[in-house]
Amino acid sequence: MAVVPLQTKHTLRRITNNIPTSYRPSLLRLRFTCSVTTTTKSRPTRENLVIVNPPLSRDTALQSTWSHRLWVSAGCTTVFVSFAKSITGGFGSNLWLEPALAGFAGYILADLGSGAYHWATDNYGDKSTPLVGTHVQDSLDHHECPWTITERQFANNLHFMARGTTLMVLPLDLAFDDHVFHGFVSTFAFCVLFCQQFHVWAHGTKSELPPLVVALQDIGLIVSRERHVEHHRAPYNKNYCVVSGVWNKVLDESKFFEALEMVVYLKLGVKPRSWTNPNSEWREETEISKC
């Protein structure tokens, strides 16, 4: 780059030429004082801090696969066939009370079964446990971050129970035609298949749930948030049932599972996880998520 000499109309002189010589030394004593004003913002307290849960919609572990969808479809099909046999048998015999009572028994026992299974996977085993290892690990993850269950896609959440339902109900569909028997089987299997979806809804707020689901929770047909939330509070050893939750009070007040844990410990020497004072994050957060 070429350097162009500076040309001016007047001759340039040093700035000090205009200052008397007697004053020039004082230039060395000139000081400039700069003041800086800083502002600090008070850090938000825990009470007014709002933490937004990170989006998990792209997490492949929570997404449904075609294998999941096929198992859920198979489970629903076997349950529908069993239910159809119960209905058609009722029409043929004009007997409705017996299959209805059998269905009610299936509904009640499914809640008890969900509690027993939930208790077992919460307290024993790990991801290497045969048959149910994946579900055990999912249960442990769920207790560390309860809200993530609401991020799971439908078939992803139901496929494990759908697989068990299919393998259990399909042989019964092929072997039996008794409509009373299928009244029990269809209702029991339906509740087992969808208990995880009931569980998901129990972690949702009423403003987020469909009105029909809220109505079913309010009348007690499926487990509600109020019935389930105690499961995620210390000491984390109650309210295991996730179909209707009707058994929770009986089981908790009788300390049934605590007695069963003692039997397992005395016979096998295995302590349940609920005895080890789980991490404080094993709770349902309503205002602030720790995950």
C-alpha atoms as a PDB file:
ATOM      1  CA  MET A   1       0.000   0.000   0.000  1.00  0.00           C
ATOM      2  CA  ALA A   2       1.436   3.379  -1.030  1.00  0.00           C
ATOM      3  CA  VAL A   3       2.088   6.013   1.611  1.00  0.00           C
ATOM      4  CA  VAL A   4       0.752   9.437   0.682  1.00  0.00           C
ATOM      5  CA  PRO A   5       2.439  12.375   2.464  1.00  0.00           C
ATOM      6  CA  LEU A   6       0.070  14.512   4.476  1.00  0.00           C
ATOM      7  CA  GLN A   7      -0.308  17.998   3.100  1.00  0.00           C
ATOM      8  CA  THR A   8      -1.930  20.815   5.063  1.00  0.00           C
ATOM      9  CA  LYS A   9      -2.526  24.478   4.543  1.00  0.00           C
ATOM     10  CA  HIS A  10      -0.624  25.424   7.715  1.00  0.00           C
ATOM     11  CA  THR A  11       2.593  24.077   9.113  1.00  0.00           C
ATOM     12  CA  LEU A  12       2.020  21.462  11.785  1.00  0.00           C
ATOM     13  CA  ARG A  13       3.646  22.057  15.144  1.00  0.00           C
ATOM     14  CA  ARG A  14       3.871  19.986  18.246  1.00  0.00           C
ATOM     15  CA  ILE A  15       1.014  20.605  20.619  1.00  0.00           C
ATOM     16  CA  THR A  16       3.437  21.587  23.375  1.00  0.00           C
ATOM     17  CA  ASN A  17       4.697  24.512  21.358  1.00  0.00           C
ATOM     18  CA  ASN A  18       1.595  26.440  22.403  1.00  0.00           C
ATOM     19  CA  ILE A  19       2.272  25.824  26.096  1.00  0.00           C
ATOM     20  CA  PRO A  20       4.751  27.984  27.979  1.00  0.00           C
ATOM     21  CA  THR A  21       7.938  26.209  28.917  1.00  0.00           C
ATOM     22  CA  SER A  22       7.375  26.776  32.637  1.00  0.00           C
ATOM     23  CA  TYR A  23       4.158  24.769  32.510  1.00  0.00           C
ATOM     24  CA  ARG A  24       5.403  21.852  30.458  1.00  0.00           C
ATOM     25  CA  PRO A  25       6.796  19.818  33.417  1.00  0.00           C
ATOM     26  CA  SER A  26       3.363  19.829  34.958  1.00  0.00           C
ATOM     27  CA  LEU A  27       2.146  17.718  32.069  1.00  0.00           C
ATOM     28  CA  LEU A  28       4.020  14.835  33.587  1.00  0.00           C
ATOM     29  CA  ARG A  29       1.916  15.131  36.719  1.00  0.00           C
ATOM     30  CA  LEU A  30      -1.442  15.033  34.981  1.00  0.00           C
ATOM     31  CA  ARG A  31      -3.564  12.068  36.005  1.00  0.00           C
ATOM     32  CA  PHE A  32      -6.796  10.849  34.595  1.00  0.00           C
ATOM     33  CA  THR A  33      -9.263   9.248  36.939  1.00  0.00           C
ATOM     34  CA  CYS A  34     -11.755   6.856  35.419  1.00  0.00           C
ATOM     35  CA  SER A  35     -14.739   5.731  37.381  1.00  0.00           C
ATOM     36  CA  VAL A  36     -16.463   2.509  36.499  1.00  0.00           C
ATOM     37  CA  THR A  37     -19.921   1.729  37.726  1.00  0.00           C
ATOM     38  CA  THR A  38     -20.857  -1.913  37.869  1.00  0.00           C
ATOM     39  CA  THR A  39     -24.225  -3.386  38.513  1.00  0.00           C
ATOM     40  CA  THR A  40     -24.788  -6.804  39.968  1.00  0.00           C
ATOM     41  CA  LYS A  41     -27.926  -8.816  39.586  1.00  0.00           C
ATOM     42  CA  SER A  42     -29.131 -10.824  42.505  1.00  0.00           C
ATOM     43  CA  ARG A  43     -29.128 -14.522  41.849  1.00  0.00           C
ATOM     44  CA  PRO A  44     -32.572 -16.068  41.717  1.00  0.00           C
ATOM     45  CA  THR A  45     -33.547 -18.151  44.678  1.00  0.00           C
ATOM     46  CA  ARG A  46     -34.812 -21.713  44.421  1.00  0.00           C
ATOM     47  CA  GLU A  47     -38.325 -20.461  45.000  1.00  0.00           C
ATOM     48  CA  ASN A  48     -38.414 -18.207  41.941  1.00  0.00           C
ATOM     49  CA  LEU A  49     -36.131 -20.252  39.728  1.00  0.00           C
ATOM     50  CA  VAL A  50     -37.940 -21.880  36.839  1.00  0.00           C
ATOM     51  CA  ILE A  51     -36.171 -24.751  35.169  1.00  0.00           C
ATOM     52  CA  VAL A  52     -37.526 -26.069  31.926  1.00  0.00           C
ATOM     53  CA  ASN A  53     -37.126 -29.780  31.362  1.00  0.00           C
ATOM     54  CA  PRO A  54     -34.836 -30.491  28.418  1.00  0.00           C
ATOM     55  CA  PRO A  55     -36.678 -31.714  25.328  1.00  0.00           C
ATOM     56  CA  LEU A  56     -36.428 -35.471  24.954  1.00  0.00           C
ATOM     57  CA  SER A  57     -38.535 -35.971  21.837  1.00  0.00           C
ATOM     58  CA  ARG A  58     -35.415 -36.868  19.820  1.00  0.00           C
ATOM     59  CA  ASP A  59     -34.081 -39.374  22.341  1.00  0.00           C
ATOM     60  CA  THR A  60     -34.199 -42.705  20.521  1.00  0.00           C
ATOM     61  CA  ALA A  61     -34.545 -44.579  23.819  1.00  0.00           C
ATOM     62  CA  LEU A  62     -37.981 -42.994  24.233  1.00  0.00           C
ATOM     63  CA  GLN A  63     -39.180 -43.435  20.668  1.00  0.00           C
ATOM     64  CA  SER A  64     -41.308 -46.282  19.340  1.00  0.00           C
ATOM     65  CA  THR A  65     -39.914 -48.757  16.841  1.00  0.00           C
ATOM     66  CA  TRP A  66     -41.794 -50.980  14.408  1.00  0.00           C
ATOM     67  CA  SER A  67     -41.053 -53.921  16.699  1.00  0.00           C
ATOM     68  CA  HIS A  68     -42.744 -52.066  19.570  1.00  0.00           C
ATOM     69  CA  ARG A  69     -45.762 -51.269  17.416  1.00  0.00           C
ATOM     70  CA  LEU A  70     -46.097 -54.865  16.233  1.00  0.00           C
ATOM     71  CA  TRP A  71     -46.065 -56.198  19.789  1.00  0.00           C
ATOM     72  CA  VAL A  72     -48.673 -53.667  20.912  1.00  0.00           C
ATOM     73  CA  SER A  73     -50.833 -54.556  17.902  1.00  0.00           C
ATOM     74  CA  ALA A  74     -50.494 -58.257  18.685  1.00  0.00           C
ATOM     75  CA  GLY A  75     -51.369 -57.690  22.336  1.00  0.00           C
ATOM     76  CA  CYS A  76     -54.440 -55.633  21.475  1.00  0.00           C
ATOM     77  CA  THR A  77     -55.559 -58.277  18.970  1.00  0.00           C
ATOM     78  CA  THR A  78     -55.364 -61.146  21.463  1.00  0.00           C
ATOM     79  CA  VAL A  79     -57.246 -59.106  24.074  1.00  0.00           C
ATOM     80  CA  PHE A  80     -59.920 -58.180  21.520  1.00  0.00           C
ATOM     81  CA  VAL A  81     -60.386 -61.833  20.510  1.00  0.00           C
ATOM     82  CA  SER A  82     -60.819 -62.833  24.154  1.00  0.00           C
ATOM     83  CA  PHE A  83     -63.292 -60.007  24.730  1.00  0.00           C
ATOM     84  CA  ALA A  84     -65.227 -60.945  21.579  1.00  0.00           C
ATOM     85  CA  LYS A  85     -65.536 -64.542  22.782  1.00  0.00           C
ATOM     86  CA  SER A  86     -66.939 -63.296  26.074  1.00  0.00           C
ATOM     87  CA  ILE A  87     -69.493 -61.032  24.355  1.00  0.00           C
ATOM     88  CA  THR A  88     -70.629 -63.557  21.748  1.00  0.00           C
ATOM     89  CA  GLY A  89     -70.906 -66.241  24.418  1.00  0.00           C
ATOM     90  CA  GLY A  90     -73.063 -63.922  26.495  1.00  0.00           C
ATOM     91  CA  PHE A  91     -75.388 -63.296  23.554  1.00  0.00           C
ATOM     92  CA  GLY A  92     -75.622 -67.006  22.847  1.00  0.00           C
ATOM     93  CA  SER A  93     -76.446 -68.029  26.412  1.00  0.00           C
ATOM     94  CA  ASN A  94     -78.254 -64.870  27.562  1.00  0.00           C
ATOM     95  CA  LEU A  95     -76.094 -64.997  30.666  1.00  0.00           C
ATOM     96  CA  TRP A  96     -74.429 -61.665  31.408  1.00  0.00           C
ATOM     97  CA  LEU A  97     -73.980 -61.570  35.159  1.00  0.00           C
ATOM     98  CA  GLU A  98     -71.311 -64.273  35.315  1.00  0.00           C
ATOM     99  CA  PRO A  99     -68.960 -62.799  32.666  1.00  0.00           C
ATOM    100  CA  ALA A 100     -69.525 -59.322  34.121  1.00  0.00           C
ATOM    101  CA  LEU A 101     -68.522 -60.509  37.591  1.00  0.00           C
ATOM    102  CA  ALA A 102     -65.578 -62.375  36.097  1.00  0.00           C
ATOM    103  CA  GLY A 103     -64.514 -59.188  34.322  1.00  0.00           C
ATOM    104  CA  PHE A 104     -64.758 -57.215  37.551  1.00  0.00           C
ATOM    105  CA  ALA A 105     -62.603 -59.822  39.292  1.00  0.00           C
ATOM    106  CA  GLY A 106     -60.047 -59.519  36.495  1.00  0.00           C
ATOM    107  CA  TYR A 107     -59.994 -55.742  36.906  1.00  0.00           C
ATOM    108  CA  ILE A 108     -59.462 -55.959  40.685  1.00  0.00           C
ATOM    109  CA  LEU A 109     -56.772 -58.640  40.463  1.00  0.00           C
ATOM    110  CA  ALA A 110     -54.962 -56.771  37.686  1.00  0.00           C
ATOM    111  CA  ASP A 111     -54.447 -53.846  40.057  1.00  0.00           C
ATOM    112  CA  LEU A 112     -53.041 -56.197  42.686  1.00  0.00           C
ATOM    113  CA  GLY A 113     -50.818 -57.846  40.086  1.00  0.00           C
ATOM    114  CA  SER A 114     -49.509 -54.486  38.883  1.00  0.00           C
ATOM    115  CA  GLY A 115     -48.560 -53.629  42.466  1.00  0.00           C
ATOM    116  CA  ALA A 116     -46.721 -56.906  43.011  1.00  0.00           C
ATOM    117  CA  TYR A 117     -44.821 -56.573  39.738  1.00  0.00           C
ATOM    118  CA  HIS A 118     -44.036 -52.903  40.363  1.00  0.00           C
ATOM    119  CA  TRP A 119     -42.758 -53.712  43.860  1.00  0.00           C
ATOM    120  CA  ALA A 120     -40.533 -56.512  42.541  1.00  0.00           C
ATOM    121  CA  THR A 121     -38.931 -54.509  39.717  1.00  0.00           C
ATOM    122  CA  ASP A 122     -38.442 -51.465  41.955  1.00  0.00           C
ATOM    123  CA  ASN A 123     -36.623 -53.415  44.642  1.00  0.00           C
ATOM    124  CA  TYR A 124     -34.869 -56.386  43.077  1.00  0.00           C
ATOM    125  CA  GLY A 125     -32.792 -57.274  40.042  1.00  0.00           C
ATOM    126  CA  ASP A 126     -30.897 -55.189  37.515  1.00  0.00           C
ATOM    127  CA  LYS A 127     -30.578 -54.828  33.762  1.00  0.00           C
ATOM    128  CA  SER A 128     -28.977 -58.297  33.533  1.00  0.00           C
ATOM    129  CA  THR A 129     -31.974 -60.031  35.146  1.00  0.00           C
ATOM    130  CA  PRO A 130     -33.424 -62.612  32.720  1.00  0.00           C
ATOM    131  CA  LEU A 131     -36.694 -61.691  30.964  1.00  0.00           C
ATOM    132  CA  VAL A 132     -37.373 -58.490  32.928  1.00  0.00           C
ATOM    133  CA  GLY A 133     -33.915 -56.867  33.062  1.00  0.00           C
ATOM    134  CA  THR A 134     -34.838 -54.104  30.622  1.00  0.00           C
ATOM    135  CA  HIS A 135     -37.942 -53.266  32.600  1.00  0.00           C
ATOM    136  CA  VAL A 136     -35.987 -53.243  35.877  1.00  0.00           C
ATOM    137  CA  GLN A 137     -33.563 -50.701  34.414  1.00  0.00           C
ATOM    138  CA  ASP A 138     -36.456 -48.618  33.080  1.00  0.00           C
ATOM    139  CA  SER A 139     -37.960 -48.634  36.561  1.00  0.00           C
ATOM    140  CA  LEU A 140     -34.715 -47.399  38.117  1.00  0.00           C
ATOM    141  CA  ASP A 141     -34.384 -44.665  35.496  1.00  0.00           C
ATOM    142  CA  HIS A 142     -37.992 -43.673  36.068  1.00  0.00           C
ATOM    143  CA  HIS A 143     -37.386 -43.164  39.786  1.00  0.00           C
ATOM    144  CA  GLU A 144     -34.419 -40.911  39.114  1.00  0.00           C
ATOM    145  CA  CYS A 145     -36.368 -38.777  36.623  1.00  0.00           C
ATOM    146  CA  PRO A 146     -40.086 -39.539  37.070  1.00  0.00           C
ATOM    147  CA  TRP A 147     -41.307 -36.996  34.526  1.00  0.00           C
ATOM    148  CA  THR A 148     -39.518 -38.707  31.616  1.00  0.00           C
ATOM    149  CA  ILE A 149     -42.220 -41.383  31.468  1.00  0.00           C
ATOM    150  CA  THR A 150     -44.517 -38.763  29.946  1.00  0.00           C
ATOM    151  CA  GLU A 151     -41.992 -38.299  27.120  1.00  0.00           C
ATOM    152  CA  ARG A 152     -42.078 -41.942  26.065  1.00  0.00           C
ATOM    153  CA  GLN A 153     -44.005 -42.671  22.913  1.00  0.00           C
ATOM    154  CA  PHE A 154     -47.076 -44.870  23.203  1.00  0.00           C
ATOM    155  CA  ALA A 155     -45.758 -48.161  21.777  1.00  0.00           C
ATOM    156  CA  ASN A 156     -42.359 -47.665  23.414  1.00  0.00           C
ATOM    157  CA  ASN A 157     -44.060 -47.511  26.790  1.00  0.00           C
ATOM    158  CA  LEU A 158     -46.451 -50.433  26.255  1.00  0.00           C
ATOM    159  CA  HIS A 159     -44.489 -52.938  24.182  1.00  0.00           C
ATOM    160  CA  PHE A 160     -43.003 -54.868  27.117  1.00  0.00           C
ATOM    161  CA  MET A 161     -46.389 -55.559  28.701  1.00  0.00           C
ATOM    162  CA  ALA A 162     -47.868 -56.166  25.248  1.00  0.00           C
ATOM    163  CA  ARG A 163     -45.334 -58.911  24.621  1.00  0.00           C
ATOM    164  CA  GLY A 164     -46.218 -60.664  27.876  1.00  0.00           C
ATOM    165  CA  THR A 165     -49.930 -60.226  27.207  1.00  0.00           C
ATOM    166  CA  THR A 166     -49.636 -61.726  23.730  1.00  0.00           C
ATOM    167  CA  LEU A 167     -47.710 -64.763  24.932  1.00  0.00           C
ATOM    168  CA  MET A 168     -50.165 -65.281  27.793  1.00  0.00           C
ATOM    169  CA  VAL A 169     -53.500 -64.690  26.057  1.00  0.00           C
ATOM    170  CA  LEU A 170     -52.920 -66.174  22.600  1.00  0.00           C
ATOM    171  CA  PRO A 171     -52.839 -69.806  23.837  1.00  0.00           C
ATOM    172  CA  LEU A 172     -55.968 -69.141  25.915  1.00  0.00           C
ATOM    173  CA  ASP A 173     -57.765 -67.730  22.872  1.00  0.00           C
ATOM    174  CA  LEU A 174     -56.948 -70.883  20.938  1.00  0.00           C
ATOM    175  CA  ALA A 175     -57.721 -73.368  23.718  1.00  0.00           C
ATOM    176  CA  PHE A 176     -60.887 -72.052  25.407  1.00  0.00           C
ATOM    177  CA  ASP A 177     -64.275 -70.719  24.333  1.00  0.00           C
ATOM    178  CA  ASP A 178     -66.016 -70.309  27.689  1.00  0.00           C
ATOM    179  CA  HIS A 179     -67.434 -66.773  27.799  1.00  0.00           C
ATOM    180  CA  VAL A 180     -67.160 -66.453  31.593  1.00  0.00           C
ATOM    181  CA  PHE A 181     -63.520 -67.467  31.475  1.00  0.00           C
ATOM    182  CA  HIS A 182     -62.827 -64.941  28.722  1.00  0.00           C
ATOM    183  CA  GLY A 183     -64.703 -62.281  30.673  1.00  0.00           C
ATOM    184  CA  PHE A 184     -61.972 -62.590  33.281  1.00  0.00           C
ATOM    185  CA  VAL A 185     -59.071 -63.035  30.847  1.00  0.00           C
ATOM    186  CA  SER A 186     -59.956 -60.118  28.561  1.00  0.00           C
ATOM    187  CA  THR A 187     -60.379 -57.608  31.393  1.00  0.00           C
ATOM    188  CA  PHE A 188     -57.312 -58.768  33.293  1.00  0.00           C
ATOM    189  CA  ALA A 189     -55.171 -58.743  30.137  1.00  0.00           C
ATOM    190  CA  PHE A 190     -56.487 -55.335  29.032  1.00  0.00           C
ATOM    191  CA  CYS A 191     -55.525 -53.791  32.386  1.00  0.00           C
ATOM    192  CA  VAL A 192     -52.089 -55.428  32.327  1.00  0.00           C
ATOM    193  CA  LEU A 193     -51.477 -54.265  28.767  1.00  0.00           C
ATOM    194  CA  PHE A 194     -52.452 -50.655  29.450  1.00  0.00           C
ATOM    195  CA  CYS A 195     -51.289 -50.279  33.064  1.00  0.00           C
ATOM    196  CA  GLN A 196     -48.182 -48.433  31.895  1.00  0.00           C
ATOM    197  CA  GLN A 197     -50.368 -45.935  30.049  1.00  0.00           C
ATOM    198  CA  PHE A 198     -52.418 -45.447  33.222  1.00  0.00           C
ATOM    199  CA  HIS A 199     -49.066 -44.893  34.942  1.00  0.00           C
ATOM    200  CA  VAL A 200     -48.143 -42.217  32.392  1.00  0.00           C
ATOM    201  CA  TRP A 201     -51.428 -40.395  32.970  1.00  0.00           C
ATOM    202  CA  ALA A 202     -50.806 -40.548  36.738  1.00  0.00           C
ATOM    203  CA  HIS A 203     -47.737 -38.369  36.132  1.00  0.00           C
ATOM    204  CA  GLY A 204     -49.660 -35.800  34.110  1.00  0.00           C
ATOM    205  CA  THR A 205     -51.604 -32.792  35.305  1.00  0.00           C
ATOM    206  CA  LYS A 206     -55.325 -32.478  34.709  1.00  0.00           C
ATOM    207  CA  SER A 207     -54.798 -29.525  32.378  1.00  0.00           C
ATOM    208  CA  GLU A 208     -52.660 -31.733  30.112  1.00  0.00           C
ATOM    209  CA  LEU A 209     -54.855 -34.848  30.092  1.00  0.00           C
ATOM    210  CA  PRO A 210     -57.887 -35.599  27.899  1.00  0.00           C
ATOM    211  CA  PRO A 211     -61.203 -34.893  29.690  1.00  0.00           C
ATOM    212  CA  LEU A 212     -62.208 -38.575  29.528  1.00  0.00           C
ATOM    213  CA  VAL A 213     -58.991 -39.613  31.295  1.00  0.00           C
ATOM    214  CA  VAL A 214     -59.543 -36.989  33.989  1.00  0.00           C
ATOM    215  CA  ALA A 215     -63.104 -38.250  34.479  1.00  0.00           C
ATOM    216  CA  LEU A 216     -61.905 -41.867  34.833  1.00  0.00           C
ATOM    217  CA  GLN A 217     -59.301 -40.758  37.374  1.00  0.00           C
ATOM    218  CA  ASP A 218     -61.823 -38.708  39.333  1.00  0.00           C
ATOM    219  CA  ILE A 219     -64.222 -41.637  39.728  1.00  0.00           C
ATOM    220  CA  GLY A 220     -61.345 -43.962  40.631  1.00  0.00           C
ATOM    221  CA  LEU A 221     -61.449 -46.350  37.670  1.00  0.00           C
ATOM    222  CA  ILE A 222     -57.796 -45.649  36.828  1.00  0.00           C
ATOM    223  CA  VAL A 223     -55.005 -44.464  39.100  1.00  0.00           C
ATOM    224  CA  SER A 224     -54.737 -40.703  39.547  1.00  0.00           C
ATOM    225  CA  ARG A 225     -51.799 -38.435  40.285  1.00  0.00           C
ATOM    226  CA  GLU A 226     -53.043 -38.002  43.855  1.00  0.00           C
ATOM    227  CA  ARG A 227     -53.060 -41.771  44.397  1.00  0.00           C
ATOM    228  CA  HIS A 228     -49.658 -42.325  42.830  1.00  0.00           C
ATOM    229  CA  VAL A 229     -47.578 -39.336  43.935  1.00  0.00           C
ATOM    230  CA  GLU A 230     -46.790 -40.843  47.360  1.00  0.00           C
ATOM    231  CA  HIS A 231     -44.858 -43.579  45.574  1.00  0.00           C
ATOM    232  CA  HIS A 232     -42.226 -40.973  44.649  1.00  0.00           C
ATOM    233  CA  ARG A 233     -41.819 -39.615  48.168  1.00  0.00           C
ATOM    234  CA  ALA A 234     -39.668 -41.008  50.961  1.00  0.00           C
ATOM    235  CA  PRO A 235     -39.462 -43.799  51.983  1.00  0.00           C
ATOM    236  CA  TYR A 236     -40.491 -44.862  48.431  1.00  0.00           C
ATOM    237  CA  ASN A 237     -42.116 -48.121  49.530  1.00  0.00           C
ATOM    238  CA  LYS A 238     -45.845 -47.638  49.017  1.00  0.00           C
ATOM    239  CA  ASN A 239     -48.547 -46.984  46.404  1.00  0.00           C
ATOM    240  CA  TYR A 240     -47.158 -49.578  44.005  1.00  0.00           C
ATOM    241  CA  CYS A 241     -50.449 -50.403  42.242  1.00  0.00           C
ATOM    242  CA  VAL A 242     -50.923 -48.543  38.954  1.00  0.00           C
ATOM    243  CA  VAL A 243     -54.195 -49.787  37.432  1.00  0.00           C
ATOM    244  CA  SER A 244     -56.774 -48.225  39.740  1.00  0.00           C
ATOM    245  CA  GLY A 245     -54.726 -47.984  42.935  1.00  0.00           C
ATOM    246  CA  VAL A 246     -57.601 -49.512  44.885  1.00  0.00           C
ATOM    247  CA  TRP A 247     -55.250 -51.967  46.610  1.00  0.00           C
ATOM    248  CA  ASN A 248     -52.708 -49.375  47.717  1.00  0.00           C
ATOM    249  CA  LYS A 249     -54.340 -48.440  51.009  1.00  0.00           C
ATOM    250  CA  VAL A 250     -54.879 -52.066  52.037  1.00  0.00           C
ATOM    251  CA  LEU A 251     -51.345 -53.126  51.136  1.00  0.00           C
ATOM    252  CA  ASP A 252     -49.697 -50.082  52.719  1.00  0.00           C
ATOM    253  CA  GLU A 253     -51.636 -50.145  55.977  1.00  0.00           C
ATOM    254  CA  SER A 254     -51.109 -53.882  56.395  1.00  0.00           C
ATOM    255  CA  LYS A 255     -47.396 -53.451  55.518  1.00  0.00           C
ATOM    256  CA  PHE A 256     -47.758 -56.424  53.189  1.00  0.00           C
ATOM    257  CA  PHE A 257     -44.765 -55.609  51.007  1.00  0.00           C
ATOM    258  CA  GLU A 258     -42.592 -54.731  54.000  1.00  0.00           C
ATOM    259  CA  ALA A 259     -43.339 -58.147  55.481  1.00  0.00           C
ATOM    260  CA  LEU A 260     -42.590 -59.774  52.127  1.00  0.00           C
ATOM    261  CA  GLU A 261     -39.265 -57.923  51.969  1.00  0.00           C
ATOM    262  CA  MET A 262     -38.355 -59.287  55.391  1.00  0.00           C
ATOM    263  CA  VAL A 263     -39.176 -62.830  54.268  1.00  0.00           C
ATOM    264  CA  VAL A 264     -36.995 -62.433  51.165  1.00  0.00           C
ATOM    265  CA  TYR A 265     -34.153 -61.038  53.267  1.00  0.00           C
ATOM    266  CA  LEU A 266     -34.331 -63.800  55.886  1.00  0.00           C
ATOM    267  CA  LYS A 267     -34.559 -66.558  53.276  1.00  0.00           C
ATOM    268  CA  LEU A 268     -32.218 -65.235  50.586  1.00  0.00           C
ATOM    269  CA  GLY A 269     -30.211 -62.500  52.305  1.00  0.00           C
ATOM    270  CA  VAL A 270     -31.185 -59.952  49.647  1.00  0.00           C
ATOM    271  CA  LYS A 271     -32.097 -56.438  50.759  1.00  0.00           C
ATOM    272  CA  PRO A 272     -34.665 -54.435  48.773  1.00  0.00           C
ATOM    273  CA  ARG A 273     -33.591 -51.112  47.310  1.00  0.00           C
ATOM    274  CA  SER A 274     -36.152 -49.293  49.467  1.00  0.00           C
ATOM    275  CA  TRP A 275     -34.038 -50.118  52.557  1.00  0.00           C
ATOM    276  CA  THR A 276     -30.992 -48.241  51.308  1.00  0.00           C
ATOM    277  CA  ASN A 277     -32.444 -44.729  51.633  1.00  0.00           C
ATOM    278  CA  PRO A 278     -32.631 -43.934  47.915  1.00  0.00           C
ATOM    279  CA  ASN A 279     -31.293 -40.708  46.502  1.00  0.00           C
ATOM    280  CA  SER A 280     -33.391 -37.648  47.286  1.00  0.00           C
ATOM    281  CA  GLU A 281     -34.040 -37.276  43.568  1.00  0.00           C
ATOM    282  CA  TRP A 282     -36.341 -40.328  43.782  1.00  0.00           C
ATOM    283  CA  ARG A 283     -39.368 -38.095  44.043  1.00  0.00           C
ATOM    284  CA  GLU A 284     -42.007 -36.492  41.932  1.00  0.00           C
ATOM    285  CA  GLU A 285     -41.103 -32.843  41.399  1.00  0.00           C
ATOM    286  CA  THR A 286     -44.110 -30.598  40.907  1.00  0.00           C
ATOM    287  CA  GLU A 287     -42.414 -27.217  40.493  1.00  0.00           C
ATOM    288  CA  ILE A 288     -38.725 -27.800  39.875  1.00  0.00           C
ATOM    289  CA  SER A 289     -37.251 -30.699  37.965  1.00  0.00           C
ATOM    290  CA  LYS A 290     -33.839 -31.914  39.060  1.00  0.00           C
ATOM    291  CA  CYS A 291     -33.230 -34.020  35.968  1.00  0.00           C
END
